[in-house]
Amino acid sequence: MSALMNFSIFPLDKGEDIGDHVSKVVQHIKNSGYKYQFGSMGTTVEAEKVGYLLKLVEEAYEIMDPISDRIYCVMNIDYSKNKTDLLNRKRNSIEKRIGKVS
C-alpha cells in the first residue's frame, strides 16, 4: 500500500520572495523520513497511509501559521492498496517509454 501526495503551501501576504518561508516546510519534509521529490511548483511525498500525508500537511500549516495571516495550499493524493514505491514506479513507467526525464 502506498499513498503519494503532491502539495505546495505558501504565505500569500509576504510578497514575491517567499523562499525563506517555504524552505522551512521543505526542511520539515526532509526531516520526516518520507521519500520525497522537491519540484519548482510543489513537493511530492510518499507514505504508507493517506493519514500520514494529511498529518504532514497539518504540520506544514503549523509551520506557516506564525509566519503568515493568509496561507495558500493545494494538494492532490494518489492512493494504491496494491502497489508500493509509487514515487519511483511512476517515473520509471515514463522513462521506459521515452528515456530519462529530468
N, C-alpha and C. Protein backbone atom coordinates (compact mmCIF):
# COMPACT_ATOMS: atom_id res chain seq x y z
N MET A 1 0.84 -1.16 0.00
CA MET A 1 0.00 0.00 0.00
C MET A 1 0.89 1.23 0.00
N SER A 2 0.46 2.23 -0.76
CA SER A 2 1.26 3.44 -0.87
C SER A 2 0.36 4.63 -1.19
N ALA A 3 0.69 5.75 -0.61
CA ALA A 3 -0.02 6.99 -0.88
C ALA A 3 1.00 8.03 -1.34
N LEU A 4 0.66 8.71 -2.40
CA LEU A 4 1.54 9.72 -2.99
C LEU A 4 0.79 11.04 -3.00
N MET A 5 1.43 12.08 -2.48
CA MET A 5 0.79 13.39 -2.42
C MET A 5 1.72 14.43 -3.02
N ASN A 6 1.16 15.26 -3.88
CA ASN A 6 1.88 16.43 -4.36
C ASN A 6 1.21 17.64 -3.73
N PHE A 7 2.00 18.51 -3.09
CA PHE A 7 1.40 19.69 -2.49
C PHE A 7 2.36 20.86 -2.46
N SER A 8 1.76 22.03 -2.37
CA SER A 8 2.54 23.24 -2.15
C SER A 8 1.78 24.08 -1.13
N ILE A 9 2.54 24.79 -0.33
CA ILE A 9 1.96 25.66 0.69
C ILE A 9 2.85 26.89 0.80
N PHE A 10 2.21 28.05 0.88
CA PHE A 10 3.00 29.27 0.98
C PHE A 10 2.15 30.41 1.52
N PRO A 11 2.82 31.42 2.09
CA PRO A 11 2.09 32.58 2.60
C PRO A 11 1.71 33.51 1.45
N LEU A 12 0.50 34.06 1.53
CA LEU A 12 0.05 34.99 0.49
C LEU A 12 0.36 36.44 0.83
N ASP A 13 0.77 36.70 2.05
CA ASP A 13 0.95 38.09 2.49
C ASP A 13 2.41 38.47 2.71
N LYS A 14 3.34 37.78 2.05
CA LYS A 14 4.77 38.06 2.26
C LYS A 14 5.50 38.50 1.00
N GLY A 15 4.76 38.90 0.00
CA GLY A 15 5.39 39.38 -1.23
C GLY A 15 5.83 38.25 -2.13
N GLU A 16 6.71 38.61 -3.08
CA GLU A 16 7.15 37.65 -4.09
C GLU A 16 8.25 36.72 -3.60
N ASP A 17 9.11 37.16 -2.72
CA ASP A 17 10.25 36.37 -2.27
C ASP A 17 9.86 35.58 -1.01
N ILE A 18 9.38 34.35 -1.23
CA ILE A 18 8.89 33.54 -0.12
C ILE A 18 9.75 32.30 0.15
N GLY A 19 10.90 32.23 -0.50
CA GLY A 19 11.77 31.06 -0.37
C GLY A 19 12.16 30.74 1.06
N ASP A 20 12.43 31.77 1.87
CA ASP A 20 12.80 31.53 3.26
C ASP A 20 11.67 30.82 4.01
N HIS A 21 10.44 31.18 3.70
CA HIS A 21 9.29 30.59 4.39
C HIS A 21 9.01 29.17 3.90
N VAL A 22 9.02 28.98 2.60
CA VAL A 22 8.75 27.67 2.01
C VAL A 22 9.84 26.68 2.41
N SER A 23 11.07 27.14 2.51
CA SER A 23 12.17 26.23 2.84
C SER A 23 11.99 25.60 4.22
N LYS A 24 11.29 26.26 5.11
CA LYS A 24 11.03 25.69 6.44
C LYS A 24 10.15 24.45 6.33
N VAL A 25 9.17 24.49 5.45
CA VAL A 25 8.31 23.34 5.23
C VAL A 25 9.08 22.22 4.52
N VAL A 26 9.85 22.58 3.51
CA VAL A 26 10.64 21.57 2.79
C VAL A 26 11.63 20.90 3.74
N GLN A 27 12.24 21.66 4.63
CA GLN A 27 13.15 21.08 5.62
C GLN A 27 12.41 20.10 6.53
N HIS A 28 11.18 20.45 6.90
CA HIS A 28 10.37 19.55 7.74
C HIS A 28 10.08 18.24 7.00
N ILE A 29 9.75 18.35 5.72
CA ILE A 29 9.50 17.15 4.91
C ILE A 29 10.78 16.32 4.82
N LYS A 30 11.88 16.98 4.59
CA LYS A 30 13.17 16.29 4.50
C LYS A 30 13.47 15.53 5.80
N ASN A 31 13.16 16.14 6.93
CA ASN A 31 13.42 15.52 8.24
C ASN A 31 12.38 14.45 8.60
N SER A 32 11.29 14.38 7.86
CA SER A 32 10.20 13.46 8.20
C SER A 32 10.57 11.99 8.00
N GLY A 33 11.51 11.74 7.13
CA GLY A 33 11.87 10.36 6.82
C GLY A 33 11.10 9.77 5.65
N TYR A 34 10.10 10.49 5.15
CA TYR A 34 9.36 10.02 3.99
C TYR A 34 10.17 10.26 2.72
N LYS A 35 9.94 9.43 1.72
CA LYS A 35 10.55 9.67 0.42
C LYS A 35 9.86 10.90 -0.18
N TYR A 36 10.62 11.75 -0.81
CA TYR A 36 10.02 12.95 -1.40
C TYR A 36 10.85 13.42 -2.58
N GLN A 37 10.23 14.22 -3.42
CA GLN A 37 10.92 14.91 -4.51
C GLN A 37 10.44 16.35 -4.51
N PHE A 38 11.38 17.26 -4.39
CA PHE A 38 11.06 18.69 -4.44
C PHE A 38 11.01 19.13 -5.89
N GLY A 39 10.00 19.93 -6.22
CA GLY A 39 9.88 20.48 -7.56
C GLY A 39 9.60 21.97 -7.48
N SER A 40 9.70 22.64 -8.59
CA SER A 40 9.54 24.10 -8.60
C SER A 40 8.11 24.54 -8.28
N MET A 41 7.13 23.66 -8.47
CA MET A 41 5.74 24.03 -8.23
C MET A 41 5.10 23.24 -7.09
N GLY A 42 5.88 22.39 -6.43
CA GLY A 42 5.35 21.60 -5.33
C GLY A 42 6.30 20.50 -4.95
N THR A 43 5.98 19.82 -3.87
CA THR A 43 6.78 18.71 -3.38
C THR A 43 5.91 17.46 -3.37
N THR A 44 6.46 16.37 -3.87
CA THR A 44 5.76 15.09 -3.88
C THR A 44 6.32 14.23 -2.75
N VAL A 45 5.43 13.69 -1.94
CA VAL A 45 5.81 12.90 -0.77
C VAL A 45 5.08 11.56 -0.83
N GLU A 46 5.79 10.50 -0.43
CA GLU A 46 5.19 9.17 -0.40
C GLU A 46 5.18 8.62 1.02
N ALA A 47 4.06 8.02 1.40
CA ALA A 47 3.91 7.38 2.72
C ALA A 47 3.04 6.14 2.56
N GLU A 48 2.98 5.35 3.60
CA GLU A 48 2.18 4.13 3.56
C GLU A 48 0.68 4.41 3.63
N LYS A 49 0.31 5.47 4.34
CA LYS A 49 -1.11 5.76 4.55
C LYS A 49 -1.42 7.22 4.24
N VAL A 50 -2.62 7.46 3.77
CA VAL A 50 -3.07 8.82 3.48
C VAL A 50 -3.02 9.68 4.74
N GLY A 51 -3.38 9.12 5.87
CA GLY A 51 -3.38 9.86 7.13
C GLY A 51 -2.02 10.45 7.47
N TYR A 52 -0.97 9.71 7.14
CA TYR A 52 0.39 10.23 7.40
C TYR A 52 0.65 11.49 6.58
N LEU A 53 0.17 11.48 5.34
CA LEU A 53 0.37 12.64 4.47
C LEU A 53 -0.47 13.82 4.94
N LEU A 54 -1.69 13.55 5.36
CA LEU A 54 -2.54 14.63 5.85
C LEU A 54 -1.95 15.25 7.12
N LYS A 55 -1.34 14.43 7.95
CA LYS A 55 -0.67 14.95 9.15
C LYS A 55 0.50 15.85 8.75
N LEU A 56 1.22 15.46 7.70
CA LEU A 56 2.32 16.29 7.21
C LEU A 56 1.82 17.65 6.72
N VAL A 57 0.68 17.66 6.07
CA VAL A 57 0.08 18.94 5.63
C VAL A 57 -0.31 19.76 6.85
N GLU A 58 -0.91 19.13 7.85
CA GLU A 58 -1.26 19.84 9.08
C GLU A 58 -0.02 20.45 9.74
N GLU A 59 1.05 19.70 9.76
CA GLU A 59 2.31 20.21 10.34
C GLU A 59 2.86 21.37 9.51
N ALA A 60 2.68 21.31 8.20
CA ALA A 60 3.10 22.42 7.35
C ALA A 60 2.31 23.69 7.69
N TYR A 61 1.02 23.54 7.95
CA TYR A 61 0.22 24.68 8.37
C TYR A 61 0.71 25.23 9.71
N GLU A 62 1.09 24.35 10.60
CA GLU A 62 1.61 24.79 11.90
C GLU A 62 2.92 25.56 11.74
N ILE A 63 3.72 25.20 10.76
CA ILE A 63 4.96 25.93 10.47
C ILE A 63 4.64 27.31 9.91
N MET A 64 3.67 27.37 9.01
CA MET A 64 3.32 28.63 8.35
C MET A 64 2.50 29.58 9.24
N ASP A 65 1.76 29.03 10.18
CA ASP A 65 0.85 29.85 10.98
C ASP A 65 1.51 31.05 11.67
N PRO A 66 2.65 30.90 12.33
CA PRO A 66 3.26 32.08 12.96
C PRO A 66 3.84 33.07 11.95
N ILE A 67 4.02 32.63 10.72
CA ILE A 67 4.66 33.44 9.68
C ILE A 67 3.66 34.33 8.96
N SER A 68 2.44 33.82 8.78
CA SER A 68 1.51 34.46 7.86
C SER A 68 0.09 34.51 8.40
N ASP A 69 -0.63 35.55 7.99
CA ASP A 69 -2.04 35.66 8.31
C ASP A 69 -2.93 35.02 7.24
N ARG A 70 -2.32 34.72 6.08
CA ARG A 70 -3.07 34.10 4.98
C ARG A 70 -2.18 33.07 4.30
N ILE A 71 -2.61 31.81 4.33
CA ILE A 71 -1.81 30.69 3.82
C ILE A 71 -2.58 30.01 2.70
N TYR A 72 -1.88 29.72 1.62
CA TYR A 72 -2.48 29.02 0.48
C TYR A 72 -1.86 27.63 0.39
N CYS A 73 -2.69 26.63 0.14
CA CYS A 73 -2.20 25.26 -0.02
C CYS A 73 -3.02 24.58 -1.10
N VAL A 74 -2.35 23.80 -1.93
CA VAL A 74 -3.01 22.96 -2.91
C VAL A 74 -2.35 21.58 -2.84
N MET A 75 -3.19 20.53 -2.95
CA MET A 75 -2.63 19.18 -2.90
C MET A 75 -3.49 18.21 -3.68
N ASN A 76 -2.87 17.14 -4.11
CA ASN A 76 -3.60 16.02 -4.68
C ASN A 76 -2.92 14.74 -4.21
N ILE A 77 -3.73 13.68 -4.05
CA ILE A 77 -3.25 12.43 -3.48
C ILE A 77 -3.65 11.27 -4.39
N ASP A 78 -2.71 10.36 -4.57
CA ASP A 78 -2.93 9.11 -5.30
C ASP A 78 -2.68 7.97 -4.32
N TYR A 79 -3.69 7.14 -4.07
CA TYR A 79 -3.58 6.06 -3.09
C TYR A 79 -3.77 4.72 -3.79
N SER A 80 -2.88 3.78 -3.53
CA SER A 80 -2.99 2.45 -4.12
C SER A 80 -2.84 1.39 -3.04
N LYS A 81 -3.83 0.53 -2.90
CA LYS A 81 -3.77 -0.55 -1.92
C LYS A 81 -2.80 -1.65 -2.35
N ASN A 82 -2.60 -1.79 -3.64
CA ASN A 82 -1.87 -2.93 -4.16
C ASN A 82 -0.47 -2.63 -4.68
N LYS A 83 -0.01 -1.40 -4.52
CA LYS A 83 1.31 -1.04 -5.03
C LYS A 83 2.10 -0.30 -3.96
N THR A 84 3.41 -0.38 -4.08
CA THR A 84 4.30 0.39 -3.22
C THR A 84 5.28 1.13 -4.12
N ASP A 85 6.05 2.00 -3.53
CA ASP A 85 7.09 2.75 -4.25
C ASP A 85 6.54 3.51 -5.45
N LEU A 86 5.40 4.16 -5.26
CA LEU A 86 4.78 4.90 -6.36
C LEU A 86 5.67 6.02 -6.89
N LEU A 87 6.44 6.63 -6.01
CA LEU A 87 7.30 7.74 -6.43
C LEU A 87 8.22 7.30 -7.57
N ASN A 88 8.83 6.15 -7.42
CA ASN A 88 9.73 5.64 -8.46
C ASN A 88 8.99 4.94 -9.58
N ARG A 89 7.92 4.22 -9.25
CA ARG A 89 7.17 3.48 -10.28
C ARG A 89 6.67 4.41 -11.38
N LYS A 90 6.10 5.54 -10.99
CA LYS A 90 5.54 6.46 -11.98
C LYS A 90 6.63 7.03 -12.89
N ARG A 91 7.74 7.40 -12.28
CA ARG A 91 8.86 7.94 -13.06
C ARG A 91 9.41 6.86 -14.00
N ASN A 92 9.63 5.65 -13.46
CA ASN A 92 10.18 4.56 -14.26
C ASN A 92 9.26 4.19 -15.42
N SER A 93 7.95 4.25 -15.20
CA SER A 93 6.99 3.93 -16.24
C SER A 93 7.16 4.87 -17.44
N ILE A 94 7.33 6.13 -17.18
CA ILE A 94 7.52 7.10 -18.27
C ILE A 94 8.90 6.95 -18.90
N GLU A 95 9.93 6.76 -18.08
CA GLU A 95 11.29 6.62 -18.61
C GLU A 95 11.44 5.39 -19.48
N LYS A 96 10.70 4.33 -19.21
CA LYS A 96 10.73 3.15 -20.08
C LYS A 96 10.21 3.48 -21.47
N ARG A 97 9.31 4.44 -21.52
CA ARG A 97 8.68 4.80 -22.79
C ARG A 97 9.46 5.86 -23.57
N ILE A 98 10.05 6.83 -22.85
CA ILE A 98 10.67 7.95 -23.59
C ILE A 98 12.12 8.20 -23.22
N GLY A 99 12.66 7.42 -22.30
CA GLY A 99 14.03 7.66 -21.85
C GLY A 99 14.07 8.56 -20.63
N LYS A 100 15.24 8.86 -20.17
CA LYS A 100 15.45 9.62 -18.94
C LYS A 100 14.75 10.97 -18.99
N VAL A 101 14.08 11.29 -17.89
CA VAL A 101 13.45 12.61 -17.75
C VAL A 101 14.14 13.35 -16.61
N SER A 102 14.13 14.66 -16.69
CA SER A 102 14.79 15.44 -15.62
C SER A 102 13.79 16.04 -14.69
